[in-house]
């Protein structure tokens, strides 16, 4: 996993992250966006444009949002 999108995305789902991603690794889910770790190049472009600060590097996901690491893995079948 590289970057993980967490719960604030569900309320916003603004898509600025999708627009700035140079490798098109962010995919829409039913309730939020997800970052494909097999495609992500760890550039961090998505982090700086997220209007709700929902994107974290996997190693920095807050404890109360850690379930979103597993949700992303499930979304991509990892």
PDB file of N, CA and C in Angstrom:
ATOM      1  N   UNK A   1       0.839  -1.175   0.000  1.00  0.00           N
ATOM      2  CA  UNK A   1       0.000   0.000   0.000  1.00  0.00           C
ATOM      3  C   UNK A   1       0.888   1.243   0.000  1.00  0.00           C
ATOM      4  N   UNK A   2       0.488   2.212  -0.717  1.00  0.00           N
ATOM      5  CA  UNK A   2       1.200   3.485  -0.715  1.00  0.00           C
ATOM      6  C   UNK A   2       0.360   4.481   0.076  1.00  0.00           C
ATOM      7  N   UNK A   3      -0.555   5.156  -0.586  1.00  0.00           N
ATOM      8  CA  UNK A   3      -1.441   6.091   0.084  1.00  0.00           C
ATOM      9  C   UNK A   3      -2.815   5.458   0.258  1.00  0.00           C
ATOM     10  N   UNK A   4      -3.516   5.887   1.303  1.00  0.00           N
ATOM     11  CA  UNK A   4      -4.833   5.354   1.631  1.00  0.00           C
ATOM     12  C   UNK A   4      -5.789   6.526   1.807  1.00  0.00           C
ATOM     13  N   UNK A   5      -6.980   6.383   1.266  1.00  0.00           N
ATOM     14  CA  UNK A   5      -8.008   7.396   1.424  1.00  0.00           C
ATOM     15  C   UNK A   5      -8.919   6.955   2.564  1.00  0.00           C
ATOM     16  N   UNK A   6      -9.203   7.872   3.482  1.00  0.00           N
ATOM     17  CA  UNK A   6      -9.942   7.538   4.698  1.00  0.00           C
ATOM     18  C   UNK A   6     -11.347   8.145   4.706  1.00  0.00           C
ATOM     19  N   UNK A   7     -12.020   8.036   5.838  1.00  0.00           N
ATOM     20  CA  UNK A   7     -13.450   8.356   5.964  1.00  0.00           C
ATOM     21  C   UNK A   7     -13.897   9.742   5.500  1.00  0.00           C
ATOM     22  N   UNK A   8     -13.124  10.813   5.681  1.00  0.00           N
ATOM     23  CA  UNK A   8     -13.642  12.108   5.225  1.00  0.00           C
ATOM     24  C   UNK A   8     -13.997  12.136   3.734  1.00  0.00           C
ATOM     25  N   UNK A   9     -13.411  11.270   2.956  1.00  0.00           N
ATOM     26  CA  UNK A   9     -13.721  11.225   1.519  1.00  0.00           C
ATOM     27  C   UNK A   9     -15.181  10.851   1.276  1.00  0.00           C
ATOM     28  N   UNK A  10     -15.713   9.980   2.114  1.00  0.00           N
ATOM     29  CA  UNK A  10     -17.090   9.536   1.923  1.00  0.00           C
ATOM     30  C   UNK A  10     -18.099  10.668   1.940  1.00  0.00           C
ATOM     31  N   UNK A  11     -17.850  11.665   2.745  1.00  0.00           N
ATOM     32  CA  UNK A  11     -18.762  12.790   2.825  1.00  0.00           C
ATOM     33  C   UNK A  11     -18.533  13.795   1.700  1.00  0.00           C
ATOM     34  N   UNK A  12     -17.321  13.833   1.188  1.00  0.00           N
ATOM     35  CA  UNK A  12     -16.958  14.851   0.197  1.00  0.00           C
ATOM     36  C   UNK A  12     -16.903  14.290  -1.228  1.00  0.00           C
ATOM     37  N   UNK A  13     -16.077  13.261  -1.421  1.00  0.00           N
ATOM     38  CA  UNK A  13     -15.861  12.623  -2.719  1.00  0.00           C
ATOM     39  C   UNK A  13     -15.700  13.658  -3.833  1.00  0.00           C
ATOM     40  N   UNK A  14     -14.774  14.592  -3.607  1.00  0.00           N
ATOM     41  CA  UNK A  14     -14.616  15.753  -4.475  1.00  0.00           C
ATOM     42  C   UNK A  14     -13.861  15.484  -5.772  1.00  0.00           C
ATOM     43  N   UNK A  15     -12.964  14.541  -5.804  1.00  0.00           N
ATOM     44  CA  UNK A  15     -12.248  14.105  -7.009  1.00  0.00           C
ATOM     45  C   UNK A  15     -11.079  14.971  -7.457  1.00  0.00           C
ATOM     46  N   UNK A  16     -10.674  15.952  -6.658  1.00  0.00           N
ATOM     47  CA  UNK A  16      -9.474  16.697  -7.008  1.00  0.00           C
ATOM     48  C   UNK A  16      -8.277  15.759  -7.104  1.00  0.00           C
ATOM     49  N   UNK A  17      -8.250  14.747  -6.257  1.00  0.00           N
ATOM     50  CA  UNK A  17      -7.149  13.782  -6.253  1.00  0.00           C
ATOM     51  C   UNK A  17      -7.063  13.033  -7.579  1.00  0.00           C
ATOM     52  N   UNK A  18      -8.212  12.682  -8.115  1.00  0.00           N
ATOM     53  CA  UNK A  18      -8.252  11.962  -9.398  1.00  0.00           C
ATOM     54  C   UNK A  18      -7.663  12.832 -10.505  1.00  0.00           C
ATOM     55  N   UNK A  19      -8.008  14.102 -10.484  1.00  0.00           N
ATOM     56  CA  UNK A  19      -7.571  15.026 -11.523  1.00  0.00           C
ATOM     57  C   UNK A  19      -6.061  15.250 -11.536  1.00  0.00           C
ATOM     58  N   UNK A  20      -5.411  15.221 -10.366  1.00  0.00           N
ATOM     59  CA  UNK A  20      -3.971  15.515 -10.312  1.00  0.00           C
ATOM     60  C   UNK A  20      -3.085  14.279 -10.375  1.00  0.00           C
ATOM     61  N   UNK A  21      -3.642  13.110 -10.258  1.00  0.00           N
ATOM     62  CA  UNK A  21      -2.831  11.890 -10.242  1.00  0.00           C
ATOM     63  C   UNK A  21      -2.165  11.662 -11.602  1.00  0.00           C
ATOM     64  N   UNK A  22      -0.829  11.634 -11.633  1.00  0.00           N
ATOM     65  CA  UNK A  22      -0.139  11.486 -12.914  1.00  0.00           C
ATOM     66  C   UNK A  22      -0.193  10.079 -13.502  1.00  0.00           C
ATOM     67  N   UNK A  23      -0.574   9.091 -12.692  1.00  0.00           N
ATOM     68  CA  UNK A  23      -0.605   7.712 -13.191  1.00  0.00           C
ATOM     69  C   UNK A  23      -2.007   7.098 -13.165  1.00  0.00           C
ATOM     70  N   UNK A  24      -3.010   7.924 -12.870  1.00  0.00           N
ATOM     71  CA  UNK A  24      -4.407   7.491 -12.879  1.00  0.00           C
ATOM     72  C   UNK A  24      -4.641   6.257 -12.015  1.00  0.00           C
ATOM     73  N   UNK A  25      -4.164   6.307 -10.773  1.00  0.00           N
ATOM     74  CA  UNK A  25      -4.302   5.152  -9.880  1.00  0.00           C
ATOM     75  C   UNK A  25      -5.481   5.257  -8.926  1.00  0.00           C
ATOM     76  N   UNK A  26      -6.239   6.338  -8.992  1.00  0.00           N
ATOM     77  CA  UNK A  26      -7.350   6.536  -8.057  1.00  0.00           C
ATOM     78  C   UNK A  26      -8.656   6.179  -8.746  1.00  0.00           C
ATOM     79  N   UNK A  27      -9.365   5.239  -8.122  1.00  0.00           N
ATOM     80  CA  UNK A  27     -10.594   4.717  -8.715  1.00  0.00           C
ATOM     81  C   UNK A  27     -11.789   4.997  -7.813  1.00  0.00           C
ATOM     82  N   UNK A  28     -12.942   5.249  -8.414  1.00  0.00           N
ATOM     83  CA  UNK A  28     -14.129   5.488  -7.597  1.00  0.00           C
ATOM     84  C   UNK A  28     -14.730   4.185  -7.082  1.00  0.00           C
ATOM     85  N   UNK A  29     -15.127   4.205  -5.825  1.00  0.00           N
ATOM     86  CA  UNK A  29     -15.913   3.124  -5.255  1.00  0.00           C
ATOM     87  C   UNK A  29     -17.324   3.645  -5.059  1.00  0.00           C
ATOM     88  N   UNK A  30     -18.173   2.842  -4.479  1.00  0.00           N
ATOM     89  CA  UNK A  30     -19.554   3.286  -4.243  1.00  0.00           C
ATOM     90  C   UNK A  30     -19.620   4.446  -3.265  1.00  0.00           C
ATOM     91  N   UNK A  31     -18.738   4.417  -2.258  1.00  0.00           N
ATOM     92  CA  UNK A  31     -18.832   5.397  -1.191  1.00  0.00           C
ATOM     93  C   UNK A  31     -17.667   6.379  -1.111  1.00  0.00           C
ATOM     94  N   UNK A  32     -16.562   6.081  -1.770  1.00  0.00           N
ATOM     95  CA  UNK A  32     -15.384   6.941  -1.736  1.00  0.00           C
ATOM     96  C   UNK A  32     -14.440   6.543  -2.860  1.00  0.00           C
ATOM     97  N   UNK A  33     -13.300   7.233  -2.955  1.00  0.00           N
ATOM     98  CA  UNK A  33     -12.261   6.871  -3.907  1.00  0.00           C
ATOM     99  C   UNK A  33     -11.251   5.959  -3.234  1.00  0.00           C
ATOM    100  N   UNK A  34     -10.551   5.168  -4.047  1.00  0.00           N
ATOM    101  CA  UNK A  34      -9.522   4.257  -3.564  1.00  0.00           C
ATOM    102  C   UNK A  34      -8.277   4.396  -4.431  1.00  0.00           C
ATOM    103  N   UNK A  35      -7.113   4.263  -3.798  1.00  0.00           N
ATOM    104  CA  UNK A  35      -5.837   4.382  -4.500  1.00  0.00           C
ATOM    105  C   UNK A  35      -5.275   2.993  -4.736  1.00  0.00           C
ATOM    106  N   UNK A  36      -5.040   2.661  -6.010  1.00  0.00           N
ATOM    107  CA  UNK A  36      -4.499   1.352  -6.366  1.00  0.00           C
ATOM    108  C   UNK A  36      -3.004   1.328  -6.030  1.00  0.00           C
ATOM    109  N   UNK A  37      -2.606   0.506  -5.055  1.00  0.00           N
ATOM    110  CA  UNK A  37      -1.203   0.484  -4.627  1.00  0.00           C
ATOM    111  C   UNK A  37      -0.261  -0.099  -5.674  1.00  0.00           C
ATOM    112  N   UNK A  38      -0.788  -0.867  -6.616  1.00  0.00           N
ATOM    113  CA  UNK A  38       0.055  -1.440  -7.665  1.00  0.00           C
ATOM    114  C   UNK A  38       0.420  -0.412  -8.731  1.00  0.00           C
ATOM    115  N   UNK A  39      -0.332   0.666  -8.795  1.00  0.00           N
ATOM    116  CA  UNK A  39      -0.087   1.698  -9.802  1.00  0.00           C
ATOM    117  C   UNK A  39       0.520   2.956  -9.183  1.00  0.00           C
ATOM    118  N   UNK A  40       0.161   3.266  -7.946  1.00  0.00           N
ATOM    119  CA  UNK A  40       0.615   4.483  -7.269  1.00  0.00           C
ATOM    120  C   UNK A  40       2.143   4.563  -7.255  1.00  0.00           C
ATOM    121  N   UNK A  41       2.662   5.738  -7.565  1.00  0.00           N
ATOM    122  CA  UNK A  41       4.115   5.933  -7.584  1.00  0.00           C
ATOM    123  C   UNK A  41       4.602   6.721  -6.366  1.00  0.00           C
ATOM    124  N   UNK A  42       3.736   6.871  -5.370  1.00  0.00           N
ATOM    125  CA  UNK A  42       4.113   7.547  -4.119  1.00  0.00           C
ATOM    126  C   UNK A  42       4.499   9.007  -4.309  1.00  0.00           C
ATOM    127  N   UNK A  43       3.906   9.684  -5.267  1.00  0.00           N
ATOM    128  CA  UNK A  43       4.300  11.078  -5.534  1.00  0.00           C
ATOM    129  C   UNK A  43       3.692  12.058  -4.542  1.00  0.00           C
ATOM    130  N   UNK A  44       2.543  11.709  -3.952  1.00  0.00           N
ATOM    131  CA  UNK A  44       1.903  12.568  -2.974  1.00  0.00           C
ATOM    132  C   UNK A  44       1.091  13.708  -3.549  1.00  0.00           C
ATOM    133  N   UNK A  45       0.942  13.781  -4.847  1.00  0.00           N
ATOM    134  CA  UNK A  45       0.179  14.878  -5.463  1.00  0.00           C
ATOM    135  C   UNK A  45      -1.259  14.921  -4.942  1.00  0.00           C
ATOM    136  N   UNK A  46      -1.828  13.780  -4.686  1.00  0.00           N
ATOM    137  CA  UNK A  46      -3.211  13.703  -4.222  1.00  0.00           C
ATOM    138  C   UNK A  46      -3.389  14.283  -2.820  1.00  0.00           C
ATOM    139  N   UNK A  47      -2.381  14.122  -1.994  1.00  0.00           N
ATOM    140  CA  UNK A  47      -2.470  14.566  -0.600  1.00  0.00           C
ATOM    141  C   UNK A  47      -2.694  16.066  -0.518  1.00  0.00           C
ATOM    142  N   UNK A  48      -1.941  16.806  -1.271  1.00  0.00           N
ATOM    143  CA  UNK A  48      -1.988  18.264  -1.156  1.00  0.00           C
ATOM    144  C   UNK A  48      -3.268  18.885  -1.705  1.00  0.00           C
ATOM    145  N   UNK A  49      -3.998  18.188  -2.555  1.00  0.00           N
ATOM    146  CA  UNK A  49      -5.218  18.768  -3.129  1.00  0.00           C
ATOM    147  C   UNK A  49      -6.506  18.287  -2.463  1.00  0.00           C
ATOM    148  N   UNK A  50      -6.404  17.330  -1.594  1.00  0.00           N
ATOM    149  CA  UNK A  50      -7.612  16.792  -0.947  1.00  0.00           C
ATOM    150  C   UNK A  50      -8.224  17.861  -0.035  1.00  0.00           C
ATOM    151  N   UNK A  51      -9.459  18.282  -0.315  1.00  0.00           N
ATOM    152  CA  UNK A  51     -10.067  19.360   0.466  1.00  0.00           C
ATOM    153  C   UNK A  51     -10.463  18.966   1.888  1.00  0.00           C
ATOM    154  N   UNK A  52     -10.484  17.672   2.173  1.00  0.00           N
ATOM    155  CA  UNK A  52     -10.894  17.217   3.508  1.00  0.00           C
ATOM    156  C   UNK A  52      -9.784  16.452   4.232  1.00  0.00           C
ATOM    157  N   UNK A  53      -8.568  16.523   3.723  1.00  0.00           N
ATOM    158  CA  UNK A  53      -7.414  15.855   4.350  1.00  0.00           C
ATOM    159  C   UNK A  53      -7.691  14.385   4.647  1.00  0.00           C
ATOM    160  N   UNK A  54      -8.183  13.670   3.643  1.00  0.00           N
ATOM    161  CA  UNK A  54      -8.546  12.268   3.818  1.00  0.00           C
ATOM    162  C   UNK A  54      -7.451  11.299   3.390  1.00  0.00           C
ATOM    163  N   UNK A  55      -6.352  11.788   2.817  1.00  0.00           N
ATOM    164  CA  UNK A  55      -5.347  10.905   2.231  1.00  0.00           C
ATOM    165  C   UNK A  55      -4.082  10.897   3.077  1.00  0.00           C
ATOM    166  N   UNK A  56      -3.658   9.678   3.428  1.00  0.00           N
ATOM    167  CA  UNK A  56      -2.471   9.487   4.253  1.00  0.00           C
ATOM    168  C   UNK A  56      -1.599   8.402   3.642  1.00  0.00           C
ATOM    169  N   UNK A  57      -0.303   8.495   3.882  1.00  0.00           N
ATOM    170  CA  UNK A  57       0.557   7.370   3.548  1.00  0.00           C
ATOM    171  C   UNK A  57       0.157   6.239   4.482  1.00  0.00           C
ATOM    172  N   UNK A  58       0.224   5.022   4.018  1.00  0.00           N
ATOM    173  CA  UNK A  58      -0.222   3.874   4.808  1.00  0.00           C
ATOM    174  C   UNK A  58       0.395   3.861   6.203  1.00  0.00           C
ATOM    175  N   UNK A  59       1.629   4.231   6.327  1.00  0.00           N
ATOM    176  CA  UNK A  59       2.312   4.209   7.615  1.00  0.00           C
ATOM    177  C   UNK A  59       1.868   5.335   8.542  1.00  0.00           C
ATOM    178  N   UNK A  60       1.098   6.282   8.027  1.00  0.00           N
ATOM    179  CA  UNK A  60       0.688   7.447   8.820  1.00  0.00           C
ATOM    180  C   UNK A  60      -0.821   7.561   9.005  1.00  0.00           C
ATOM    181  N   UNK A  61      -1.560   6.524   8.624  1.00  0.00           N
ATOM    182  CA  UNK A  61      -3.005   6.543   8.797  1.00  0.00           C
ATOM    183  C   UNK A  61      -3.308   6.595  10.301  1.00  0.00           C
ATOM    184  N   UNK A  62      -4.150   7.536  10.737  1.00  0.00           N
ATOM    185  CA  UNK A  62      -4.489   7.617  12.163  1.00  0.00           C
ATOM    186  C   UNK A  62      -5.118   6.317  12.668  1.00  0.00           C
ATOM    187  N   UNK A  63      -4.891   6.016  13.910  1.00  0.00           N
ATOM    188  CA  UNK A  63      -5.404   4.771  14.492  1.00  0.00           C
ATOM    189  C   UNK A  63      -6.905   4.608  14.311  1.00  0.00           C
ATOM    190  N   UNK A  64      -7.650   5.705  14.410  1.00  0.00           N
ATOM    191  CA  UNK A  64      -9.105   5.607  14.287  1.00  0.00           C
ATOM    192  C   UNK A  64      -9.586   5.471  12.835  1.00  0.00           C
ATOM    193  N   UNK A  65      -8.647   5.474  11.891  1.00  0.00           N
ATOM    194  CA  UNK A  65      -8.974   5.315  10.469  1.00  0.00           C
ATOM    195  C   UNK A  65      -8.321   4.068   9.870  1.00  0.00           C
ATOM    196  N   UNK A  66      -7.663   3.270  10.693  1.00  0.00           N
ATOM    197  CA  UNK A  66      -6.868   2.130  10.210  1.00  0.00           C
ATOM    198  C   UNK A  66      -7.700   1.116   9.415  1.00  0.00           C
ATOM    199  N   UNK A  67      -8.985   1.053   9.672  1.00  0.00           N
ATOM    200  CA  UNK A  67      -9.851   0.127   8.929  1.00  0.00           C
ATOM    201  C   UNK A  67      -9.851   0.431   7.429  1.00  0.00           C
ATOM    202  N   UNK A  68      -9.513   1.669   7.053  1.00  0.00           N
ATOM    203  CA  UNK A  68      -9.513   2.052   5.642  1.00  0.00           C
ATOM    204  C   UNK A  68      -8.347   1.437   4.865  1.00  0.00           C
ATOM    205  N   UNK A  69      -7.324   1.014   5.573  1.00  0.00           N
ATOM    206  CA  UNK A  69      -6.240   0.263   4.927  1.00  0.00           C
ATOM    207  C   UNK A  69      -6.797  -1.072   4.454  1.00  0.00           C
ATOM    208  N   UNK A  70      -7.545  -1.747   5.320  1.00  0.00           N
ATOM    209  CA  UNK A  70      -8.154  -3.027   4.949  1.00  0.00           C
ATOM    210  C   UNK A  70      -9.224  -2.864   3.878  1.00  0.00           C
ATOM    211  N   UNK A  71      -9.997  -1.796   3.964  1.00  0.00           N
ATOM    212  CA  UNK A  71     -11.014  -1.555   2.934  1.00  0.00           C
ATOM    213  C   UNK A  71     -10.378  -1.374   1.559  1.00  0.00           C
ATOM    214  N   UNK A  72      -9.268  -0.661   1.514  1.00  0.00           N
ATOM    215  CA  UNK A  72      -8.566  -0.474   0.238  1.00  0.00           C
ATOM    216  C   UNK A  72      -8.019  -1.796  -0.278  1.00  0.00           C
ATOM    217  N   UNK A  73      -7.474  -2.598   0.605  1.00  0.00           N
ATOM    218  CA  UNK A  73      -6.960  -3.915   0.193  1.00  0.00           C
ATOM    219  C   UNK A  73      -8.082  -4.770  -0.376  1.00  0.00           C
ATOM    220  N   UNK A  74      -9.225  -4.766   0.296  1.00  0.00           N
ATOM    221  CA  UNK A  74     -10.368  -5.540  -0.198  1.00  0.00           C
ATOM    222  C   UNK A  74     -10.849  -5.026  -1.549  1.00  0.00           C
ATOM    223  N   UNK A  75     -10.897  -3.700  -1.700  1.00  0.00           N
ATOM    224  CA  UNK A  75     -11.366  -3.100  -2.944  1.00  0.00           C
ATOM    225  C   UNK A  75     -10.526  -3.583  -4.128  1.00  0.00           C
ATOM    226  N   UNK A  76      -9.203  -3.705  -3.915  1.00  0.00           N
ATOM    227  CA  UNK A  76      -8.306  -4.127  -4.987  1.00  0.00           C
ATOM    228  C   UNK A  76      -7.959  -5.611  -4.942  1.00  0.00           C
ATOM    229  N   UNK A  77      -8.593  -6.357  -4.057  1.00  0.00           N
ATOM    230  CA  UNK A  77      -8.375  -7.807  -3.990  1.00  0.00           C
ATOM    231  C   UNK A  77      -6.984  -8.202  -3.538  1.00  0.00           C
ATOM    232  N   UNK A  78      -6.441  -7.429  -2.615  1.00  0.00           N
ATOM    233  CA  UNK A  78      -5.081  -7.708  -2.132  1.00  0.00           C
ATOM    234  C   UNK A  78      -5.174  -8.515  -0.846  1.00  0.00           C
TER     235      UNK A  78
END
